[in-house]
Amino acid sequence: MQWDSSPQAGFTTGTHPWLAVNPNYEQINAAQEESDPASVLNYVRALIALRAHALAFVYGDFEDLDPQHPHVFAYTRTLGAEKYLVVENFSSTSVTYTLPNSLTVGKLLLSDIPTSQQANTRTLNLAPWESRIYKQ
């Protein structure tokens, strides 16, 4: 684990660890991720917090909205009146995606890429590898 930017990435005080330390440890490490609100670490923390507070992600019904789409994975999780829409672009290129079944997005709760996407739209412009979660 690359803990910080100190020698040997903060993993050991020894001069020769068993496995070599990646040369990028000064830029990519847990301390840097901790201090960056847009980091992968903090995004995963937000996902965990959302799952802990939204029981639809644990117990809700799952509906795959577009199982044949080659790049976009879109689904809903519903528990009673609680409904969430998750849309993910699993490709290395941008995708313009229209939600099926006249579905529109609700309030954007979480995205791994800052977006200015408006609520109540059917067409999403997704960046490469982007993931969004909406409260419907």
N, C-alpha and C. Protein backbone atom coordinates (compact mmCIF):
# COMPACT_ATOMS: atom_id res chain seq x y z
N MET A 1 0.85 -1.18 0.00
CA MET A 1 0.00 0.00 0.00
C MET A 1 0.89 1.23 0.00
N GLN A 2 0.60 2.13 -0.89
CA GLN A 2 1.31 3.40 -0.94
C GLN A 2 0.61 4.36 0.01
N TRP A 3 1.10 4.47 1.23
CA TRP A 3 0.43 5.25 2.27
C TRP A 3 0.64 6.74 2.11
N ASP A 4 1.87 7.16 1.78
CA ASP A 4 2.15 8.59 1.67
C ASP A 4 3.35 8.81 0.77
N SER A 5 3.87 10.04 0.74
CA SER A 5 4.97 10.36 -0.16
C SER A 5 6.34 10.24 0.52
N SER A 6 6.38 9.67 1.70
CA SER A 6 7.67 9.48 2.38
C SER A 6 8.43 8.32 1.73
N PRO A 7 9.70 8.16 2.06
CA PRO A 7 10.48 7.06 1.48
C PRO A 7 9.77 5.70 1.63
N GLN A 8 9.87 4.90 0.60
CA GLN A 8 9.22 3.58 0.53
C GLN A 8 7.70 3.69 0.67
N ALA A 9 7.17 4.86 0.31
CA ALA A 9 5.73 5.13 0.30
C ALA A 9 5.07 4.96 1.67
N GLY A 10 5.87 5.07 2.75
CA GLY A 10 5.33 4.94 4.09
C GLY A 10 4.99 3.50 4.46
N PHE A 11 5.34 2.56 3.60
CA PHE A 11 5.02 1.15 3.85
C PHE A 11 6.01 0.53 4.83
N THR A 12 7.27 0.92 4.73
CA THR A 12 8.29 0.34 5.59
C THR A 12 9.39 1.37 5.84
N THR A 13 10.11 1.19 6.94
CA THR A 13 11.27 2.04 7.20
C THR A 13 12.54 1.38 6.66
N GLY A 14 12.41 0.16 6.16
CA GLY A 14 13.55 -0.54 5.57
C GLY A 14 13.96 0.09 4.25
N THR A 15 15.17 -0.21 3.83
CA THR A 15 15.67 0.38 2.59
C THR A 15 15.33 -0.47 1.37
N HIS A 16 15.02 -1.75 1.57
CA HIS A 16 14.72 -2.64 0.45
C HIS A 16 13.49 -3.49 0.78
N PRO A 17 12.29 -2.99 0.48
CA PRO A 17 11.10 -3.81 0.75
C PRO A 17 11.09 -5.05 -0.14
N TRP A 18 10.33 -6.03 0.29
CA TRP A 18 10.24 -7.29 -0.45
C TRP A 18 9.77 -7.05 -1.88
N LEU A 19 8.73 -6.22 -2.05
CA LEU A 19 8.26 -5.83 -3.37
C LEU A 19 8.68 -4.38 -3.63
N ALA A 20 9.05 -4.09 -4.84
CA ALA A 20 9.47 -2.73 -5.18
C ALA A 20 8.31 -1.76 -5.05
N VAL A 21 8.62 -0.55 -4.65
CA VAL A 21 7.62 0.51 -4.54
C VAL A 21 7.46 1.14 -5.92
N ASN A 22 6.21 1.37 -6.29
CA ASN A 22 5.93 1.99 -7.58
C ASN A 22 6.53 3.40 -7.58
N PRO A 23 7.18 3.81 -8.66
CA PRO A 23 7.78 5.15 -8.69
C PRO A 23 6.77 6.29 -8.57
N ASN A 24 5.49 6.03 -8.76
CA ASN A 24 4.49 7.09 -8.67
C ASN A 24 3.99 7.33 -7.25
N TYR A 25 4.61 6.72 -6.24
CA TYR A 25 4.11 6.83 -4.87
C TYR A 25 4.06 8.26 -4.34
N GLU A 26 4.87 9.15 -4.88
CA GLU A 26 4.84 10.53 -4.40
C GLU A 26 3.59 11.26 -4.86
N GLN A 27 3.01 10.85 -5.99
CA GLN A 27 1.79 11.47 -6.50
C GLN A 27 0.53 10.67 -6.16
N ILE A 28 0.65 9.35 -6.13
CA ILE A 28 -0.52 8.49 -5.90
C ILE A 28 -0.31 7.72 -4.60
N ASN A 29 -1.04 8.13 -3.56
CA ASN A 29 -0.92 7.46 -2.27
C ASN A 29 -2.16 7.77 -1.43
N ALA A 30 -2.32 7.04 -0.37
CA ALA A 30 -3.52 7.18 0.47
C ALA A 30 -3.63 8.57 1.08
N ALA A 31 -2.54 9.17 1.50
CA ALA A 31 -2.59 10.51 2.11
C ALA A 31 -3.08 11.54 1.09
N GLN A 32 -2.62 11.44 -0.15
CA GLN A 32 -3.06 12.36 -1.19
C GLN A 32 -4.55 12.16 -1.48
N GLU A 33 -4.99 10.91 -1.56
CA GLU A 33 -6.41 10.60 -1.81
C GLU A 33 -7.27 11.13 -0.67
N GLU A 34 -6.79 11.00 0.55
CA GLU A 34 -7.54 11.46 1.73
C GLU A 34 -7.81 12.97 1.65
N SER A 35 -6.84 13.72 1.17
CA SER A 35 -6.97 15.18 1.15
C SER A 35 -7.72 15.71 -0.08
N ASP A 36 -8.00 14.87 -1.05
CA ASP A 36 -8.66 15.30 -2.29
C ASP A 36 -10.14 14.91 -2.25
N PRO A 37 -11.06 15.89 -2.15
CA PRO A 37 -12.48 15.53 -2.08
C PRO A 37 -12.99 14.80 -3.32
N ALA A 38 -12.31 14.93 -4.46
CA ALA A 38 -12.74 14.27 -5.71
C ALA A 38 -11.98 12.97 -5.96
N SER A 39 -11.28 12.46 -4.97
CA SER A 39 -10.48 11.24 -5.17
C SER A 39 -11.33 9.99 -5.23
N VAL A 40 -10.75 8.93 -5.73
CA VAL A 40 -11.42 7.63 -5.77
C VAL A 40 -11.76 7.17 -4.36
N LEU A 41 -10.85 7.35 -3.43
CA LEU A 41 -11.09 6.96 -2.05
C LEU A 41 -12.34 7.64 -1.49
N ASN A 42 -12.44 8.95 -1.68
CA ASN A 42 -13.60 9.67 -1.15
C ASN A 42 -14.88 9.37 -1.93
N TYR A 43 -14.77 9.04 -3.20
CA TYR A 43 -15.95 8.61 -3.97
C TYR A 43 -16.47 7.28 -3.43
N VAL A 44 -15.57 6.35 -3.16
CA VAL A 44 -15.98 5.06 -2.62
C VAL A 44 -16.60 5.25 -1.23
N ARG A 45 -16.06 6.13 -0.44
CA ARG A 45 -16.66 6.43 0.86
C ARG A 45 -18.09 6.95 0.70
N ALA A 46 -18.31 7.82 -0.28
CA ALA A 46 -19.65 8.36 -0.54
C ALA A 46 -20.60 7.25 -0.99
N LEU A 47 -20.10 6.31 -1.81
CA LEU A 47 -20.92 5.17 -2.23
C LEU A 47 -21.32 4.31 -1.04
N ILE A 48 -20.38 4.06 -0.15
CA ILE A 48 -20.66 3.25 1.04
C ILE A 48 -21.68 3.94 1.93
N ALA A 49 -21.54 5.25 2.11
CA ALA A 49 -22.49 6.01 2.93
C ALA A 49 -23.88 5.99 2.31
N LEU A 50 -23.96 6.15 0.99
CA LEU A 50 -25.25 6.12 0.31
C LEU A 50 -25.92 4.76 0.50
N ARG A 51 -25.17 3.70 0.32
CA ARG A 51 -25.72 2.35 0.49
C ARG A 51 -26.19 2.11 1.92
N ALA A 52 -25.47 2.66 2.89
CA ALA A 52 -25.85 2.48 4.29
C ALA A 52 -27.14 3.21 4.65
N HIS A 53 -27.42 4.31 3.95
CA HIS A 53 -28.60 5.11 4.28
C HIS A 53 -29.78 4.90 3.34
N ALA A 54 -29.56 4.26 2.22
CA ALA A 54 -30.63 4.03 1.25
C ALA A 54 -30.87 2.53 1.15
N LEU A 55 -31.84 2.05 1.89
CA LEU A 55 -32.09 0.61 1.96
C LEU A 55 -32.50 0.00 0.62
N ALA A 56 -32.91 0.82 -0.33
CA ALA A 56 -33.26 0.30 -1.66
C ALA A 56 -32.05 -0.36 -2.31
N PHE A 57 -30.84 0.11 -2.01
CA PHE A 57 -29.64 -0.50 -2.59
C PHE A 57 -29.33 -1.86 -1.97
N VAL A 58 -29.87 -2.11 -0.80
CA VAL A 58 -29.64 -3.39 -0.12
C VAL A 58 -30.80 -4.36 -0.38
N TYR A 59 -32.03 -3.87 -0.20
CA TYR A 59 -33.20 -4.74 -0.23
C TYR A 59 -34.13 -4.49 -1.42
N GLY A 60 -33.88 -3.45 -2.17
CA GLY A 60 -34.81 -3.05 -3.21
C GLY A 60 -34.81 -3.95 -4.44
N ASP A 61 -35.89 -3.84 -5.19
CA ASP A 61 -36.02 -4.57 -6.46
C ASP A 61 -35.06 -3.97 -7.48
N PHE A 62 -34.45 -4.83 -8.26
CA PHE A 62 -33.50 -4.44 -9.29
C PHE A 62 -34.18 -4.57 -10.65
N GLU A 63 -34.04 -3.53 -11.49
CA GLU A 63 -34.55 -3.61 -12.86
C GLU A 63 -33.46 -3.13 -13.81
N ASP A 64 -33.00 -4.02 -14.66
CA ASP A 64 -32.03 -3.67 -15.71
C ASP A 64 -32.81 -3.00 -16.82
N LEU A 65 -32.49 -1.74 -17.11
CA LEU A 65 -33.29 -0.96 -18.05
C LEU A 65 -32.94 -1.20 -19.51
N ASP A 66 -31.72 -1.61 -19.78
CA ASP A 66 -31.29 -1.72 -21.18
C ASP A 66 -30.22 -2.81 -21.30
N PRO A 67 -30.60 -4.07 -21.08
CA PRO A 67 -29.60 -5.15 -21.02
C PRO A 67 -28.82 -5.38 -22.31
N GLN A 68 -29.30 -4.90 -23.44
CA GLN A 68 -28.62 -5.14 -24.71
C GLN A 68 -27.64 -4.02 -25.09
N HIS A 69 -27.62 -2.93 -24.34
CA HIS A 69 -26.74 -1.82 -24.72
C HIS A 69 -25.27 -2.26 -24.57
N PRO A 70 -24.44 -1.98 -25.57
CA PRO A 70 -23.06 -2.46 -25.53
C PRO A 70 -22.15 -1.73 -24.54
N HIS A 71 -22.52 -0.50 -24.11
CA HIS A 71 -21.61 0.26 -23.26
C HIS A 71 -22.23 0.79 -21.97
N VAL A 72 -23.54 0.99 -21.96
CA VAL A 72 -24.18 1.62 -20.81
C VAL A 72 -24.91 0.56 -19.98
N PHE A 73 -24.68 0.62 -18.69
CA PHE A 73 -25.40 -0.22 -17.73
C PHE A 73 -26.31 0.73 -16.96
N ALA A 74 -27.60 0.61 -17.17
CA ALA A 74 -28.59 1.47 -16.52
C ALA A 74 -29.59 0.59 -15.78
N TYR A 75 -29.83 0.92 -14.52
CA TYR A 75 -30.77 0.13 -13.74
C TYR A 75 -31.40 0.97 -12.64
N THR A 76 -32.49 0.46 -12.10
CA THR A 76 -33.14 1.09 -10.96
C THR A 76 -33.14 0.12 -9.79
N ARG A 77 -33.16 0.71 -8.60
CA ARG A 77 -33.37 -0.04 -7.36
C ARG A 77 -34.55 0.64 -6.67
N THR A 78 -35.56 -0.14 -6.32
CA THR A 78 -36.79 0.40 -5.77
C THR A 78 -37.18 -0.36 -4.51
N LEU A 79 -37.52 0.39 -3.48
CA LEU A 79 -38.03 -0.19 -2.24
C LEU A 79 -39.14 0.73 -1.75
N GLY A 80 -40.38 0.29 -1.88
CA GLY A 80 -41.52 1.13 -1.53
C GLY A 80 -41.53 2.38 -2.40
N ALA A 81 -41.57 3.55 -1.77
CA ALA A 81 -41.57 4.82 -2.51
C ALA A 81 -40.16 5.29 -2.84
N GLU A 82 -39.18 4.59 -2.35
CA GLU A 82 -37.78 4.97 -2.57
C GLU A 82 -37.27 4.35 -3.87
N LYS A 83 -36.81 5.20 -4.80
CA LYS A 83 -36.34 4.70 -6.09
C LYS A 83 -35.08 5.45 -6.52
N TYR A 84 -34.12 4.69 -7.02
CA TYR A 84 -32.85 5.25 -7.48
C TYR A 84 -32.57 4.75 -8.89
N LEU A 85 -31.93 5.61 -9.66
CA LEU A 85 -31.51 5.28 -11.02
C LEU A 85 -29.98 5.34 -11.05
N VAL A 86 -29.35 4.29 -11.55
CA VAL A 86 -27.90 4.24 -11.71
C VAL A 86 -27.60 4.09 -13.19
N VAL A 87 -26.73 4.95 -13.70
CA VAL A 87 -26.35 4.91 -15.12
C VAL A 87 -24.83 4.96 -15.18
N GLU A 88 -24.25 3.97 -15.87
CA GLU A 88 -22.79 3.86 -15.94
C GLU A 88 -22.34 3.63 -17.38
N ASN A 89 -21.32 4.37 -17.76
CA ASN A 89 -20.73 4.22 -19.09
C ASN A 89 -19.49 3.35 -18.95
N PHE A 90 -19.55 2.14 -19.45
CA PHE A 90 -18.42 1.20 -19.37
C PHE A 90 -17.63 1.20 -20.67
N SER A 91 -17.29 2.40 -21.15
CA SER A 91 -16.46 2.47 -22.36
C SER A 91 -15.46 3.61 -22.23
N SER A 92 -14.47 3.59 -23.08
CA SER A 92 -13.41 4.60 -23.04
C SER A 92 -13.75 5.82 -23.88
N THR A 93 -14.97 5.89 -24.40
CA THR A 93 -15.42 7.04 -25.18
C THR A 93 -16.69 7.62 -24.58
N SER A 94 -16.94 8.89 -24.88
CA SER A 94 -18.18 9.52 -24.43
C SER A 94 -19.38 8.87 -25.11
N VAL A 95 -20.51 8.87 -24.41
CA VAL A 95 -21.73 8.26 -24.93
C VAL A 95 -22.89 9.21 -24.69
N THR A 96 -23.71 9.41 -25.70
CA THR A 96 -24.99 10.09 -25.53
C THR A 96 -26.02 8.99 -25.40
N TYR A 97 -26.71 8.96 -24.27
CA TYR A 97 -27.60 7.84 -23.97
C TYR A 97 -28.99 8.37 -23.63
N THR A 98 -30.00 7.81 -24.27
CA THR A 98 -31.39 8.15 -24.00
C THR A 98 -32.00 7.04 -23.15
N LEU A 99 -32.53 7.42 -22.01
CA LEU A 99 -33.15 6.44 -21.12
C LEU A 99 -34.37 5.82 -21.78
N PRO A 100 -34.57 4.53 -21.60
CA PRO A 100 -35.73 3.85 -22.19
C PRO A 100 -37.01 4.11 -21.40
N ASN A 101 -38.13 3.70 -21.97
CA ASN A 101 -39.43 3.71 -21.30
C ASN A 101 -39.88 5.08 -20.81
N SER A 102 -39.51 6.14 -21.53
CA SER A 102 -39.88 7.51 -21.17
C SER A 102 -39.40 7.92 -19.78
N LEU A 103 -38.42 7.23 -19.26
CA LEU A 103 -37.86 7.53 -17.94
C LEU A 103 -37.02 8.79 -18.02
N THR A 104 -37.12 9.65 -17.00
CA THR A 104 -36.28 10.83 -16.90
C THR A 104 -35.49 10.76 -15.60
N VAL A 105 -34.39 11.49 -15.56
CA VAL A 105 -33.57 11.47 -14.35
C VAL A 105 -34.19 12.37 -13.29
N GLY A 106 -33.89 12.05 -12.04
CA GLY A 106 -34.31 12.87 -10.91
C GLY A 106 -33.14 13.71 -10.43
N LYS A 107 -33.02 13.82 -9.13
CA LYS A 107 -31.96 14.61 -8.53
C LYS A 107 -30.65 13.83 -8.54
N LEU A 108 -29.60 14.44 -9.07
CA LEU A 108 -28.29 13.80 -9.09
C LEU A 108 -27.75 13.74 -7.66
N LEU A 109 -27.48 12.51 -7.18
CA LEU A 109 -26.93 12.33 -5.83
C LEU A 109 -25.42 12.18 -5.85
N LEU A 110 -24.92 11.48 -6.85
CA LEU A 110 -23.50 11.15 -6.84
C LEU A 110 -23.02 10.89 -8.26
N SER A 111 -21.85 11.42 -8.57
CA SER A 111 -21.21 11.16 -9.85
C SER A 111 -19.71 11.16 -9.63
N ASP A 112 -19.02 10.31 -10.34
CA ASP A 112 -17.56 10.29 -10.19
C ASP A 112 -16.88 11.36 -11.03
N ILE A 113 -17.64 12.06 -11.86
CA ILE A 113 -17.14 13.16 -12.69
C ILE A 113 -18.09 14.33 -12.52
N PRO A 114 -17.59 15.52 -12.20
CA PRO A 114 -18.50 16.67 -12.08
C PRO A 114 -19.31 16.86 -13.36
N THR A 115 -20.59 17.09 -13.21
CA THR A 115 -21.47 17.23 -14.36
C THR A 115 -22.45 18.38 -14.13
N SER A 116 -22.91 18.97 -15.21
CA SER A 116 -23.92 20.02 -15.12
C SER A 116 -25.26 19.50 -15.65
N GLN A 117 -25.41 18.19 -15.70
CA GLN A 117 -26.62 17.56 -16.22
C GLN A 117 -27.85 18.03 -15.44
N GLN A 118 -28.88 18.42 -16.14
CA GLN A 118 -30.12 18.89 -15.53
C GLN A 118 -31.02 17.71 -15.18
N ALA A 119 -31.87 17.92 -14.17
CA ALA A 119 -32.88 16.92 -13.81
C ALA A 119 -33.98 16.93 -14.86
N ASN A 120 -34.81 15.90 -14.83
CA ASN A 120 -35.98 15.77 -15.71
C ASN A 120 -35.63 15.70 -17.19
N THR A 121 -34.50 15.12 -17.51
CA THR A 121 -34.13 14.91 -18.90
C THR A 121 -34.06 13.41 -19.17
N ARG A 122 -34.20 13.05 -20.41
CA ARG A 122 -34.09 11.64 -20.81
C ARG A 122 -32.75 11.33 -21.43
N THR A 123 -32.07 12.35 -21.95
CA THR A 123 -30.83 12.14 -22.68
C THR A 123 -29.65 12.57 -21.82
N LEU A 124 -28.72 11.65 -21.64
CA LEU A 124 -27.54 11.90 -20.82
C LEU A 124 -26.29 11.90 -21.69
N ASN A 125 -25.40 12.82 -21.42
CA ASN A 125 -24.09 12.85 -22.07
C ASN A 125 -23.08 12.35 -21.05
N LEU A 126 -22.68 11.10 -21.22
CA LEU A 126 -21.81 10.44 -20.25
C LEU A 126 -20.36 10.47 -20.72
N ALA A 127 -19.48 10.88 -19.83
CA ALA A 127 -18.05 10.86 -20.13
C ALA A 127 -17.55 9.42 -20.09
N PRO A 128 -16.36 9.16 -20.63
CA PRO A 128 -15.81 7.80 -20.54
C PRO A 128 -15.74 7.34 -19.08
N TRP A 129 -16.18 6.14 -18.82
CA TRP A 129 -16.14 5.48 -17.52
C TRP A 129 -16.96 6.20 -16.44
N GLU A 130 -17.86 7.07 -16.83
CA GLU A 130 -18.63 7.84 -15.85
C GLU A 130 -19.74 6.99 -15.21
N SER A 131 -20.00 7.29 -13.96
CA SER A 131 -21.07 6.64 -13.21
C SER A 131 -21.88 7.71 -12.50
N ARG A 132 -23.21 7.61 -12.57
CA ARG A 132 -24.10 8.56 -11.89
C ARG A 132 -25.21 7.82 -11.14
N ILE A 133 -25.61 8.41 -10.03
CA ILE A 133 -26.71 7.87 -9.24
C ILE A 133 -27.71 9.01 -9.01
N TYR A 134 -28.96 8.76 -9.37
CA TYR A 134 -30.04 9.73 -9.23
C TYR A 134 -31.09 9.21 -8.25
N LYS A 135 -31.67 10.12 -7.48
CA LYS A 135 -32.85 9.80 -6.68
C LYS A 135 -34.05 10.16 -7.54
N GLN A 136 -34.93 9.21 -7.76
CA GLN A 136 -36.09 9.42 -8.64
C GLN A 136 -37.26 10.00 -7.85
